[in-house]
Protein backbone atom coordinates (compact mmCIF):
# COMPACT_ATOMS: atom_id res chain seq x y z
CA MET A 1 18.42 6.07 -1.39
CA LYS A 2 19.19 6.54 2.64
CA ARG A 3 17.62 7.52 5.14
CA VAL A 4 18.31 10.90 6.44
CA VAL A 5 17.34 9.79 11.05
CA MET A 6 16.50 13.19 12.67
CA ILE A 7 15.35 12.61 16.96
CA VAL A 8 12.78 15.17 17.61
CA SER A 9 11.70 15.04 21.20
CA MET A 10 12.17 11.80 22.55
CA PHE A 11 10.50 10.37 18.96
CA MET A 12 12.64 8.73 16.07
CA LEU A 13 11.77 9.97 12.56
CA LEU A 14 13.08 9.01 9.23
CA ALA A 15 13.12 11.67 6.17
CA PHE A 16 13.10 9.59 2.75
CA PRO A 17 15.97 11.76 1.09
CA ILE A 18 14.59 10.74 -2.76
CA GLN A 19 17.10 9.87 -5.10
CA ALA A 20 16.80 11.85 -8.62
CA ALA A 21 15.99 7.85 -10.40
CA GLU A 22 13.47 6.01 -8.37
CA ARG A 23 12.16 2.60 -9.19
CA TYR A 24 9.32 2.13 -7.18
CA VAL A 25 7.54 -0.91 -5.89
CA SER A 26 3.69 -0.67 -4.33
CA LEU A 27 3.80 -4.03 -2.18
CA GLY A 28 0.25 -5.54 -0.63
CA ASP A 29 -2.79 -6.00 -0.58
CA SER A 30 -6.14 -3.78 -2.11
CA LEU A 31 -5.57 -0.25 -1.19
CA ALA A 32 -1.54 -0.94 -2.30
CA ALA A 33 -3.62 -1.87 -5.76
CA GLY A 34 -5.85 1.15 -5.64
CA GLN A 35 -9.00 -0.91 -5.31
CA THR A 36 -11.97 0.99 -5.29
CA PRO A 37 -15.34 1.72 -2.67
CA ASN A 38 -16.88 0.00 -6.01
CA SER A 39 -15.21 -2.81 -6.36
CA MET A 40 -12.71 -1.41 -9.46
CA ILE A 41 -8.79 -1.06 -9.19
CA ASP A 42 -8.13 2.79 -10.06
CA ALA A 43 -4.58 4.81 -9.23
CA GLY A 44 -4.71 4.53 -4.87
CA TYR A 45 -2.23 5.76 -2.84
CA SER A 46 0.68 4.44 -4.58
CA ASP A 47 0.36 6.35 -7.66
CA PHE A 48 -0.21 9.63 -6.65
CA ILE A 49 2.79 9.57 -4.73
CA ALA A 50 4.79 8.20 -8.73
CA LEU A 51 2.63 10.89 -9.93
CA ARG A 52 4.33 13.20 -6.90
CA LEU A 53 7.98 11.94 -8.16
CA ALA A 54 7.41 12.03 -10.99
CA SER A 55 6.09 15.52 -11.43
CA ARG A 56 9.97 15.93 -9.55
CA GLY A 57 11.46 14.26 -12.47
CA GLU A 58 12.45 12.09 -9.68
CA LEU A 59 11.20 8.60 -11.19
CA ALA A 60 12.90 5.85 -13.25
CA HIS A 61 9.88 3.38 -12.94
CA PHE A 62 6.52 2.14 -10.91
CA THR A 63 5.16 -0.58 -10.91
CA LYS A 64 1.59 -2.22 -8.30
CA GLU A 65 2.43 -5.80 -10.10
CA LEU A 66 3.65 -6.91 -6.65
CA ALA A 67 -0.32 -5.56 -4.97
CA PHE A 68 -3.68 -8.04 -4.93
CA SER A 69 -6.63 -7.26 -3.77
CA GLY A 70 -7.57 -9.07 -0.60
CA PHE A 71 -3.63 -10.02 0.05
CA THR A 72 -2.85 -11.50 3.44
CA THR A 73 0.35 -10.94 4.91
CA GLU A 74 1.34 -14.42 4.74
CA GLN A 75 0.03 -13.84 1.60
CA VAL A 76 2.69 -10.67 0.50
CA LEU A 77 5.43 -13.33 1.75
CA GLN A 78 4.44 -15.92 -0.53
CA ARG A 79 5.12 -12.71 -3.11
CA VAL A 80 7.71 -11.45 -2.36
CA LYS A 81 9.32 -15.19 -2.75
CA GLU A 82 7.73 -15.83 -5.85
CA PRO A 83 10.30 -16.15 -8.92
CA PHE A 84 8.26 -13.70 -11.42
CA ALA A 85 8.55 -11.13 -8.15
CA GLN A 86 12.61 -10.67 -8.51
CA PRO A 87 13.89 -8.82 -10.86
CA ILE A 88 11.09 -6.60 -9.66
CA LEU A 89 12.63 -5.77 -5.94
CA ARG A 90 16.21 -6.85 -7.94
CA ASP A 91 16.63 -3.44 -8.98
CA ALA A 92 14.10 -1.35 -6.21
CA THR A 93 14.59 1.45 -4.88
CA LEU A 94 11.43 2.13 -2.86
CA ILE A 95 9.28 0.01 -1.46
CA THR A 96 5.55 1.16 0.15
CA ILE A 97 4.09 -2.26 1.42
CA SER A 98 -0.11 -2.39 2.83
CA ALA A 99 -0.55 -5.44 4.35
CA GLY A 100 -2.85 -6.53 7.68
CA ALA A 101 -5.71 -5.12 7.16
CA ASN A 102 -6.70 -8.62 5.43
CA ASP A 103 -5.81 -10.75 8.58
CA LEU A 104 -8.18 -8.91 10.17
CA LEU A 105 -10.80 -8.01 7.71
CA ARG A 106 -12.17 -11.76 7.87
CA LEU A 107 -13.20 -12.19 11.29
CA VAL A 108 -14.89 -9.07 11.39
CA ASN A 109 -18.77 -9.47 10.21
CA ALA A 110 -20.74 -6.47 9.46
CA ASN A 111 -24.32 -6.07 9.27
CA ASN A 112 -24.65 -2.72 6.58
CA VAL A 113 -28.60 -2.49 7.61
CA THR A 114 -28.06 -2.10 11.68
CA GLY A 115 -24.72 -1.00 11.56
CA ASP A 116 -23.98 -3.39 13.90
CA VAL A 117 -20.32 -5.10 14.17
CA THR A 118 -18.71 -7.89 15.47
CA PHE A 119 -15.48 -10.73 15.77
CA ASP A 120 -13.96 -12.52 17.53
CA GLN A 121 -11.57 -11.25 20.43
CA PHE A 122 -9.62 -14.64 20.50
CA ALA A 123 -9.39 -15.15 16.34
CA ALA A 124 -8.57 -11.17 16.48
CA ASP A 125 -5.76 -11.41 18.70
CA PHE A 126 -4.44 -14.74 17.18
CA ALA A 127 -4.34 -13.20 13.54
CA LEU A 128 -2.85 -10.32 14.61
CA ASN A 129 0.56 -12.66 16.23
CA ASN A 130 0.36 -13.85 12.76
CA VAL A 131 0.75 -10.28 11.00
CA ARG A 132 3.58 -10.03 13.42
CA GLU A 133 5.56 -12.96 12.51
CA ASN A 134 4.25 -12.57 8.91
CA THR A 135 5.29 -8.96 9.08
CA ASP A 136 8.95 -9.71 10.55
CA ALA A 137 9.51 -12.53 7.88
CA ILE A 138 8.43 -10.07 4.91
CA LEU A 139 10.91 -7.36 6.36
CA LYS A 140 13.64 -9.70 6.47
CA GLU A 141 12.86 -11.42 3.04
CA LEU A 142 13.20 -7.62 1.32
CA LYS A 143 16.56 -6.93 2.62
CA LEU A 144 17.79 -9.71 0.74
CA ARG A 145 15.56 -9.52 -2.07
CA ALA A 146 15.39 -5.52 -2.78
CA PRO A 147 18.96 -4.35 -0.71
CA ASN A 148 18.99 -1.19 -2.86
CA ALA A 149 15.13 -0.18 -1.12
CA SER A 150 14.41 1.42 1.31
CA VAL A 151 11.26 0.80 2.33
CA ALA A 152 8.25 1.64 4.58
CA ILE A 153 4.82 0.42 5.66
CA ILE A 154 2.11 2.49 5.14
CA GLY A 155 -0.33 1.74 8.67
CA TYR A 156 -4.48 1.42 8.00
CA TYR A 157 -6.84 4.18 8.26
CA PHE A 158 -10.58 2.96 10.90
CA PRO A 159 -12.33 1.15 8.18
CA TYR A 160 -15.30 1.39 9.86
CA PRO A 161 -16.97 5.68 9.83
CA HIS A 162 -20.89 4.31 8.87
CA VAL A 163 -21.23 1.77 12.20
CA HIS A 164 -22.77 3.36 15.19
CA ASN A 165 -20.29 5.72 17.66
CA ALA A 166 -20.91 3.26 20.48
CA GLN A 167 -19.33 0.16 18.72
CA LYS A 168 -16.16 2.48 17.87
CA GLU A 169 -14.47 1.95 20.59
CA GLY A 170 -13.37 -1.22 20.51
CA LEU A 171 -12.72 -1.54 16.21
CA SER A 172 -10.31 1.04 16.59
CA ALA A 173 -8.82 0.09 19.93
CA GLN A 174 -7.97 -2.94 17.28
CA LEU A 175 -6.78 -0.86 14.61
CA ALA A 176 -4.79 0.96 16.86
CA THR A 177 -2.72 -2.83 17.87
CA LEU A 178 -2.73 -3.41 14.60
CA ASN A 179 -0.67 0.12 13.76
CA THR A 180 1.34 -0.37 16.62
CA ILE A 181 2.46 -3.88 15.56
CA LEU A 182 2.97 -2.45 12.24
CA GLN A 183 5.85 0.03 13.64
CA GLN A 184 6.60 -2.20 15.90
CA GLN A 185 8.22 -4.03 12.75
CA ALA A 186 9.48 -1.80 10.88
CA GLU A 187 11.36 -0.33 12.72
CA SER A 188 12.45 -3.46 14.35
CA ASN A 189 13.89 -4.04 10.91
CA GLY A 190 15.73 -0.83 9.82
CA ALA A 191 12.47 0.75 7.40
CA THR A 192 9.75 3.15 8.42
CA PHE A 193 5.85 3.21 9.35
CA VAL A 194 3.83 6.08 7.59
CA SER A 195 0.61 6.52 10.34
CA VAL A 196 -2.08 8.23 7.82
CA ASP A 197 -5.43 6.73 10.51
CA GLU A 198 -5.59 10.39 12.30
CA ALA A 199 -5.60 12.13 8.45
CA PHE A 200 -8.66 10.04 8.67
CA GLY A 201 -10.48 10.26 12.16
CA LEU A 202 -13.14 7.67 13.20
CA ASP A 203 -15.95 9.53 10.19
CA ALA A 204 -14.42 9.40 7.54
CA THR A 205 -17.37 9.16 5.36
CA HIS A 206 -16.84 11.84 2.66
CA TYR A 207 -13.09 9.40 2.53
CA LEU A 208 -14.72 6.10 2.20
CA PRO A 209 -18.61 7.23 1.21
CA ASN A 210 -19.68 3.53 0.78
CA PRO A 211 -20.83 2.00 3.82
CA THR A 212 -20.44 -1.76 2.74
CA ASP A 213 -16.81 -0.90 1.11
CA VAL A 214 -13.60 -0.43 3.32
CA HIS A 215 -12.04 1.12 0.22
CA PRO A 216 -11.68 5.47 -0.18
CA ASN A 217 -12.41 7.18 -2.45
CA PHE A 218 -9.49 9.10 -4.08
CA ASP A 219 -9.45 11.66 -1.58
CA GLY A 220 -8.72 8.86 0.66
CA TYR A 221 -6.09 7.70 -0.95
CA MET A 222 -4.77 10.98 -1.86
CA ALA A 223 -4.44 11.81 2.31
CA MET A 224 -2.27 8.29 2.36
CA ALA A 225 0.04 9.80 -0.19
CA ASN A 226 0.59 13.27 1.94
CA ALA A 227 0.85 11.24 4.62
CA PHE A 228 4.37 9.95 2.87
CA LEU A 229 4.88 12.66 0.91
CA SER A 230 5.08 14.85 4.43
CA ASP A 231 7.20 12.29 5.92
CA ALA A 232 9.58 12.39 2.87
CA GLY A 233 9.60 15.97 3.05
CA ILE A 234 8.02 17.05 0.03
CA SER A 235 4.84 19.16 -0.71
CA SER A 236 1.26 17.29 -0.38
CA LEU A 237 -0.48 17.17 -3.67
CA THR A 238 -3.83 18.54 -4.51
CA ARG A 239 -6.79 17.32 -5.84
CA ALA A 240 -6.47 19.76 -9.40
CA GLU A 241 -3.27 17.57 -9.84
CA LEU A 242 -5.49 13.47 -9.85
CA PRO A 243 -5.42 12.37 -13.18
CA ALA A 244 -9.25 11.64 -14.12
CA GLU A 245 -10.77 8.06 -12.86
CA ASN A 246 -10.60 5.60 -14.93
CA SER A 247 -11.70 2.36 -13.22
CA LYS A 248 -10.52 -1.52 -14.61
CA THR A 249 -12.44 -4.46 -13.32
CA PHE A 250 -10.60 -6.99 -11.01
CA GLU A 251 -11.44 -9.66 -14.51
CA GLU A 252 -8.95 -7.28 -16.60
CA VAL A 253 -6.48 -6.30 -14.19
CA LEU A 254 -5.48 -9.97 -13.56
CA GLN A 255 -6.10 -10.49 -17.52
CA GLN A 256 -2.71 -7.99 -17.40
CA LEU A 257 -0.80 -9.88 -15.23
CA GLN A 258 -1.18 -12.92 -16.29
CA ALA A 259 0.58 -11.73 -19.44
CA ALA A 260 2.78 -9.66 -17.62
CA GLN A 261 3.80 -12.91 -16.16
CA THR A 262 4.09 -15.38 -18.79
CA LYS A 263 5.47 -12.91 -21.44
CA VAL A 264 8.84 -11.85 -18.48
CA THR A 265 9.06 -15.55 -17.32
CA ALA A 266 9.42 -16.72 -21.31
CA GLU A 267 11.51 -13.61 -22.11
CA ALA A 268 12.56 -11.53 -19.09
CA THR A 269 15.75 -11.99 -17.54
CA SER A 270 16.76 -8.28 -16.73
CA ILE A 271 14.04 -5.63 -15.46
CA LYS A 272 14.88 -3.88 -18.22
CA THR A 273 12.19 -6.13 -20.48
CA ILE A 274 10.12 -6.08 -17.43
CA GLU A 275 9.40 -2.45 -17.63
CA ARG A 276 7.93 -3.23 -21.78
CA TYR A 277 5.65 -5.67 -19.39
CA VAL A 278 4.53 -4.10 -16.58
CA PRO A 279 0.53 -3.32 -16.49
CA LEU A 280 0.08 0.17 -14.89
CA HIS A 281 -3.14 -1.15 -13.71
CA GLY A 282 -5.49 1.08 -15.82
CA VAL A 283 -4.32 4.29 -14.59
CA ALA A 284 -4.39 5.82 -18.48
CA ALA A 285 -3.59 9.38 -16.54
CA LEU A 286 0.25 7.96 -15.96
CA LYS A 287 0.60 6.45 -19.36
CA ARG A 288 2.48 9.33 -20.13
CA ILE A 289 4.69 9.59 -17.35
CA TYR A 290 6.54 6.20 -18.19
CA VAL A 291 8.41 5.92 -21.37
CA LEU A 292 8.28 1.78 -21.68
CA ARG A 293 10.60 1.28 -24.30
């Protein structure tokens, strides 16, 4: 999928001319996997992007097999290098990435009773530097391992809308730094960056309803998907188009993933064989999109 470059004022925006038969891979952390506010796995932004592409007859294959909750940028980098990932990446034409937030979130201490949030600035600076280095490495690896793919890094939203307003400024500054790093690395490696923070703002309790969890609901994931679709010049999704919720536990997803990896290792050397075994991460409503033979 080739990129068309459009220059608007002093900013360079990258549009995605979508192929007629995209092979779409969602790579990264819990947002790429579709984690819900209730610690389950369901449809996320990548599922909704796939849903729109399928509705336009532009999707040949979609997988979240390389996405897993809790992944840091280091773990995403290792995932890209795993032998199991190579057939998946080799024929990919579109890859979206969510990676970087977990490098920072593990340093944040949130008190859900008082609404206070604290973090170590020195440790955060160190983590952000790791994000910079690992993101650069991930994108360089993808150039080698997914030579036919256009790559988009999905930015992050402000994940603490329930904290005191006085604390939002410092936390949002860290988020801005993270997104700047991701955008810089995307641009320097020929990828694109999709911003979602403006769609959420600092008070998106309607997208992040659980004060003890940083993951969005279906509406939040739809907002993220629509940010990508808007950049690609594709019509946005509406709530009525979304599938019914069909969450699975981490254990169920892990069992599917392990089964798929075992079968692929034993039987698959081509992407066609992988398609027969790729798990759909509990998104039953999307199963009818795919004809896996």
